[in-house]
Amino acid sequence: MAGGQERVLRRRIRSIEATKKITRSFELIAASQIARAQGRIAGSRPYARAISDILAATVKESGSSTRLLGVPESPSNVLALVIVADRGLAGAYNSSVLRSTERLIRAGVAKGQNYKVMAVGKKAQAYFRFRHQPVERQFVGMSDRPSFDDARRVAGSIVPLFLEGEVDLVQIVSTRVRSASRQFVETRQLLPVLASEPPPRVTPDRAGPSSMVVEPDPLDAVAPEPGHQLGFFEFEPDGEQLLAALIPQYVEAAVYAALLEASASEHAARQRAMSAATENAEELLKTLRRVMNRARQDTITTEIMEIVGGSEALRAAAGHARDLTYPQATEEQTV
């Protein structure tokens, strides 16, 4: 029985050691991608911020439709762009974004809004299919290392819907990265265009999930001061044609920034999840090795007891044989 238990434990130990190697390699790969992803984020933000300022100023100065700027009062048709990963093994990264999107849709439906969903990442497709939420379009293969061409593909599906009036509001639900150990889910308005000053971001406080704290984003430190004017503009050709060229570029830049943020958050979440999995594997290996050593000691003790018992049995048998032969020898000597 003990020998069979030892074989089972050896098999489990080999399996956990193999799993530990896999989680350790995933952890190292994710850690090597975090710094590169954060560098790409820092490089993309100035362009996204500048084109947002130019677009807002163009709308104001040209006297174009106010539908392109500000926050709509009562949007009836809303498009939600959800950005998650193509793969798992990233802790709660995917589930937190998808649950936030589901809560957003439920709140909008309760207000009488019509929600359409576009999703980036394979995990979103399975999640919404299970909940019978139709997905207008699905984009895959761009969550790990997104390129500007990927952002252009996504933006090309969003801009016509807004310009043609099929949707009144476009929102992005994705994860923003504050540091390698801190990420948070954020819902941002993509269209209409907001003012140049970014709103404060609300993140969960470490004191508990119910308390909230408002913190500025350190990468937004170069945002223009309140009341900052970009100057006087003269449009040639008119503002409408300029807006037709600027809005797709603005959406492409904003979607690209969101994809980069989501990619960095995914790598950071995967690095933490794989680190925790590796530590758990080490603890489980210690426990199993301790149990296996105890089983081995029980096996050795059982074998020693069997050897001693057999030796005692042989000694007792030999003594009993001498007792049977000794009286016979004595009688023969007497005769």
Foldseek 3Di string as FASTA:
>chain_A
DLVVVLVVLVVVLVVLVVVLVVLVVLLVVLVVVQVVLVVVLLVLVVVLLVLLQVLVVLCVQQVDDCLLEDDDDQWAEEEEEEEAAQDDLLPCQRVQLLVVVVVVVVVQVVVNHHYEYAYEYPVNVVVCVVVVHDHPYYHYDALQPHDLVSLLVVLVVVVVCCVVPVTSWYKYWAKADQDLQDIDTDIGTQGSRYHSDDDWDWDADPVDRVDIDTDHRPSCPPGDDPPDDPDHDDDVVHSVVVSVVSSSVSSSSVSVSRSSRRNSSSSSSSSVSSVVSSVVSVVVSVVSVVVSVVSVVVVVVVVVVVVVVVVVVVVVVVVVVCVVVVVVVVVVVVD
